[in-house]
Protein backbone atom coordinates (compact mmCIF):
# COMPACT_ATOMS: atom_id res chain seq x y z
CA UNK A 1 -67.40 -4.90 24.69
CA UNK A 2 -63.81 -6.68 25.46
CA UNK A 3 -63.76 -9.97 26.86
CA UNK A 4 -62.33 -9.71 30.06
CA UNK A 5 -61.90 -13.12 31.00
CA UNK A 6 -59.35 -13.85 27.78
CA UNK A 7 -57.63 -10.69 28.48
CA UNK A 8 -54.01 -10.36 31.18
CA UNK A 9 -54.55 -8.68 34.12
CA UNK A 10 -53.90 -4.43 34.34
CA UNK A 11 -55.38 -3.89 31.18
CA UNK A 12 -57.62 -1.04 30.30
CA UNK A 13 -61.58 -1.75 29.49
CA UNK A 14 -63.91 0.86 29.15
CA UNK A 15 -67.74 0.44 28.53
CA UNK A 16 -69.61 1.74 25.38
CA UNK A 17 -70.53 4.84 27.25
CA UNK A 18 -67.43 5.30 28.70
CA UNK A 19 -68.75 6.11 32.25
CA UNK A 20 -67.12 2.60 33.48
CA UNK A 21 -63.38 1.95 32.98
CA UNK A 22 -62.00 -1.27 34.47
CA UNK A 23 -58.62 -1.88 35.55
CA UNK A 24 -58.03 -5.68 35.87
CA UNK A 25 -60.85 -7.74 37.68
CA UNK A 26 -61.20 -6.24 40.82
CA UNK A 27 -60.99 -2.44 40.32
CA UNK A 28 -63.73 -0.16 38.59
CA UNK A 29 -63.83 3.67 38.41
CA UNK A 30 -67.27 5.42 37.79
CA UNK A 31 -67.44 8.65 36.00
CA UNK A 32 -70.62 10.91 36.07
CA UNK A 33 -71.44 12.97 33.12
CA UNK A 34 -70.43 16.15 34.78
CA UNK A 35 -67.14 14.43 36.42
CA UNK A 36 -66.25 14.00 32.58
CA UNK A 37 -67.50 17.25 31.51
CA UNK A 38 -65.02 18.21 34.78
CA UNK A 39 -61.86 16.39 33.42
CA UNK A 40 -62.65 17.99 29.63
CA UNK A 41 -62.51 21.74 31.21
CA UNK A 42 -59.53 21.53 33.97
CA UNK A 43 -57.59 19.57 31.19
CA UNK A 44 -58.46 21.94 27.98
CA UNK A 45 -58.14 24.86 30.61
CA UNK A 46 -55.03 24.64 32.49
CA UNK A 47 -53.53 28.17 33.38
CA UNK A 48 -56.70 28.44 35.05
CA UNK A 49 -56.66 27.13 38.74
CA UNK A 50 -60.20 25.17 39.79
CA UNK A 51 -61.53 24.44 42.89
CA UNK A 52 -65.41 23.48 44.09
CA UNK A 53 -66.82 27.18 43.65
CA UNK A 54 -64.87 28.46 40.31
CA UNK A 55 -65.77 25.36 38.61
CA UNK A 56 -69.86 25.16 39.41
CA UNK A 57 -70.68 27.90 38.09
CA UNK A 58 -69.15 26.59 34.09
CA UNK A 59 -71.32 23.29 35.44
CA UNK A 60 -73.99 24.36 36.42
CA UNK A 61 -73.51 22.73 39.76
CA UNK A 62 -74.39 23.62 43.22
CA UNK A 63 -71.72 24.22 46.45
CA UNK A 64 -72.26 20.98 48.14
CA UNK A 65 -72.13 18.88 44.16
CA UNK A 66 -69.35 20.49 42.89
CA UNK A 67 -67.24 19.49 46.34
CA UNK A 68 -68.91 16.21 45.78
CA UNK A 69 -67.58 15.67 42.63
CA UNK A 70 -64.46 17.09 42.58
CA UNK A 71 -63.84 14.70 46.20
CA UNK A 72 -64.91 11.65 44.24
CA UNK A 73 -62.61 12.27 41.33
CA UNK A 74 -59.93 13.07 43.59
CA UNK A 75 -60.37 9.94 45.85
CA UNK A 76 -60.48 7.93 41.87
CA UNK A 77 -57.09 9.10 41.36
CA UNK A 78 -58.42 10.91 38.72
CA UNK A 79 -57.51 14.38 40.08
CA UNK A 80 -54.40 15.61 41.87
CA UNK A 81 -55.37 18.15 44.76
CA UNK A 82 -53.39 21.15 46.01
CA UNK A 83 -54.43 23.26 48.99
CA UNK A 84 -53.35 27.11 48.00
CA UNK A 85 -54.33 28.93 51.49
CA UNK A 86 -58.23 27.71 51.87
CA UNK A 87 -58.93 26.24 49.09
CA UNK A 88 -58.14 23.46 47.16
CA UNK A 89 -57.35 23.17 43.84
CA UNK A 90 -57.87 20.17 41.03
CA UNK A 91 -55.25 19.52 37.91
CA UNK A 92 -55.82 16.31 35.89
CA UNK A 93 -53.34 13.37 37.28
CA UNK A 94 -51.92 12.99 33.61
CA UNK A 95 -49.60 9.85 35.15
CA UNK A 96 -52.64 8.52 35.47
CA UNK A 97 -53.41 5.18 32.41
CA UNK A 98 -57.08 5.76 33.20
CA UNK A 99 -57.19 9.68 32.80
CA UNK A 100 -55.50 9.83 29.50
CA UNK A 101 -58.09 6.93 27.98
CA UNK A 102 -60.70 8.92 29.21
CA UNK A 103 -59.97 12.20 27.88
CA UNK A 104 -59.39 10.58 24.38
CA UNK A 105 -62.96 9.19 24.87
CA UNK A 106 -64.15 12.40 26.03
CA UNK A 107 -62.74 14.53 23.10
CA UNK A 108 -64.27 11.34 20.74
CA UNK A 109 -67.72 11.82 21.71
CA UNK A 110 -69.50 13.78 18.95
CA UNK A 111 -72.88 13.57 20.31
CA UNK A 112 -73.63 16.72 21.97
CA UNK A 113 -73.03 18.50 18.32
CA UNK A 114 -76.15 19.76 16.49
CA UNK A 115 -77.75 17.89 13.07
CA UNK A 116 -75.60 20.29 11.06
CA UNK A 117 -72.20 20.63 13.17
CA UNK A 118 -72.32 16.92 12.35
CA UNK A 119 -72.42 17.48 9.35
CA UNK A 120 -69.33 19.38 8.49
CA UNK A 121 -67.11 17.07 10.70
CA UNK A 122 -68.93 14.30 8.52
CA UNK A 123 -67.83 16.94 5.35
CA UNK A 124 -63.79 17.15 6.93
CA UNK A 125 -63.09 13.53 7.28
CA UNK A 126 -61.95 14.12 3.66
CA UNK A 127 -58.78 16.09 4.95
CA UNK A 128 -57.98 13.45 7.72
CA UNK A 129 -55.74 11.69 5.25
CA UNK A 130 -52.88 14.63 5.44
CA UNK A 131 -53.47 16.06 8.78
CA UNK A 132 -52.65 14.53 12.53
CA UNK A 133 -55.38 16.51 14.08
CA UNK A 134 -58.12 18.43 12.80
CA UNK A 135 -59.93 20.92 15.66
CA UNK A 136 -63.40 22.25 14.81
CA UNK A 137 -63.44 26.23 16.51
CA UNK A 138 -65.37 29.19 16.64
CA UNK A 139 -68.73 30.82 15.69
CA UNK A 140 -69.88 27.64 13.53
CA UNK A 141 -70.32 25.63 17.38
CA UNK A 142 -72.19 28.76 18.73
CA UNK A 143 -73.58 29.87 15.96
CA UNK A 144 -74.52 26.73 13.43
CA UNK A 145 -76.14 28.07 10.30
CA UNK A 146 -76.04 31.42 11.76
CA UNK A 147 -72.23 31.20 11.06
CA UNK A 148 -70.51 33.16 8.43
CA UNK A 149 -67.92 30.65 8.25
CA UNK A 150 -65.70 27.38 9.23
CA UNK A 151 -62.55 27.59 11.61
CA UNK A 152 -60.62 24.84 11.45
CA UNK A 153 -57.43 23.83 12.60
CA UNK A 154 -55.41 21.50 10.66
CA UNK A 155 -51.94 19.71 12.47
CA UNK A 156 -50.33 19.02 9.22
CA UNK A 157 -48.66 15.20 8.42
CA UNK A 158 -46.64 16.66 6.11
CA UNK A 159 -45.44 19.87 5.16
CA UNK A 160 -45.86 19.42 1.59
CA UNK A 161 -49.38 18.05 2.16
CA UNK A 162 -49.83 22.46 2.92
CA UNK A 163 -50.53 22.66 -0.98
CA UNK A 164 -52.89 19.54 -1.64
CA UNK A 165 -54.91 20.71 1.64
CA UNK A 166 -55.07 24.26 -0.11
CA UNK A 167 -56.47 22.67 -3.12
CA UNK A 168 -59.26 20.74 -1.56
CA UNK A 169 -60.64 23.69 0.50
CA UNK A 170 -60.14 25.74 -2.31
CA UNK A 171 -62.43 22.77 -4.11
CA UNK A 172 -64.86 22.35 -0.77
CA UNK A 173 -65.36 26.47 -0.71
CA UNK A 174 -67.07 26.39 -4.17
CA UNK A 175 -69.08 24.05 -3.17
CA UNK A 176 -70.33 25.55 0.20
CA UNK A 177 -72.22 27.96 1.43
CA UNK A 178 -69.91 28.66 4.12
CA UNK A 179 -66.52 29.26 3.26
CA UNK A 180 -63.47 26.88 5.44
CA UNK A 181 -61.19 28.95 7.15
CA UNK A 182 -57.67 27.03 7.26
CA UNK A 183 -55.62 27.48 9.86
CA UNK A 184 -52.78 25.42 9.45
CA UNK A 185 -49.78 23.78 11.94
CA UNK A 186 -47.18 21.81 12.44
CA UNK A 187 -47.36 19.04 15.28
CA UNK A 188 -44.31 20.75 17.10
CA UNK A 189 -45.90 24.68 15.93
CA UNK A 190 -49.05 23.24 17.90
CA UNK A 191 -46.96 21.96 21.05
CA UNK A 192 -44.46 24.96 20.79
CA UNK A 193 -47.15 27.96 20.49
CA UNK A 194 -49.43 26.44 23.86
CA UNK A 195 -46.16 26.39 25.41
CA UNK A 196 -45.61 29.78 25.05
CA UNK A 197 -49.22 30.38 26.22
CA UNK A 198 -50.47 31.52 22.33
CA UNK A 199 -53.78 33.22 23.11
CA UNK A 200 -55.90 32.19 20.32
CA UNK A 201 -54.38 28.76 20.38
CA UNK A 202 -55.81 28.48 23.68
CA UNK A 203 -58.88 29.32 23.14
CA UNK A 204 -59.46 27.09 20.29
CA UNK A 205 -58.36 23.57 22.35
CA UNK A 206 -61.09 25.01 25.19
CA UNK A 207 -63.59 25.37 22.89
CA UNK A 208 -63.06 23.35 20.23
CA UNK A 209 -65.01 19.48 18.66
CA UNK A 210 -61.79 17.63 17.68
CA UNK A 211 -62.50 16.27 14.53
CA UNK A 212 -59.98 13.56 14.08
CA UNK A 213 -56.92 13.06 16.24
CA UNK A 214 -57.87 12.20 19.31
CA UNK A 215 -54.93 10.72 20.97
CA UNK A 216 -52.72 13.67 20.02
CA UNK A 217 -54.71 16.08 20.99
CA UNK A 218 -54.78 14.70 24.34
CA UNK A 219 -50.51 13.98 24.36
CA UNK A 220 -49.99 17.53 23.20
CA UNK A 221 -52.02 18.99 25.88
CA UNK A 222 -50.41 16.16 28.27
CA UNK A 223 -47.28 17.34 27.39
CA UNK A 224 -47.58 21.13 27.76
CA UNK A 225 -48.58 20.46 31.46
CA UNK A 226 -45.49 18.29 32.29
């Protein structure tokens, strides 16, 4: 926990559970678990317009609960509201440093993953030095041990690392029952394909676990929505 007294005003502080964000010494923002889930959903599924009615089923909330949550996030300047017809729709306030830092921490949190998936997250860390980011997606997140393969999107640090990563993944596949199926992208291609509304990649960002590269992941999605 940072020492607030030794810090400069207008700095960003987040508790270990990242449910509270503090700016300077006077303003605190409380974010509930449902609030964090809503921010993550609206941020990653950015082609969908979400209001209290459309988001309630995704989060398992009542009409009143979803309306109260979205209004609260908007009042805290974490979401931006826009009225279209009789409905009010919400988007993340990506100009707010609170939101960016909170999103990074949301994607950093892997506590909800099964022990089996966490084992793969650990094993994939050996590839991290040669990638800017890694996204774990597909059937392993839904089926766990019953999955037939391990889908991983690797954002290359350097193009020439491709051959080395291929060799490392081949060696890992020789030692494991489940085989890694890699998708290689550069950071530029990652952002370009999202801007082009590449459907498979859009589905990946909506459901993936970010193994590493959380800041880059948030930065690219922010750029795509700007």
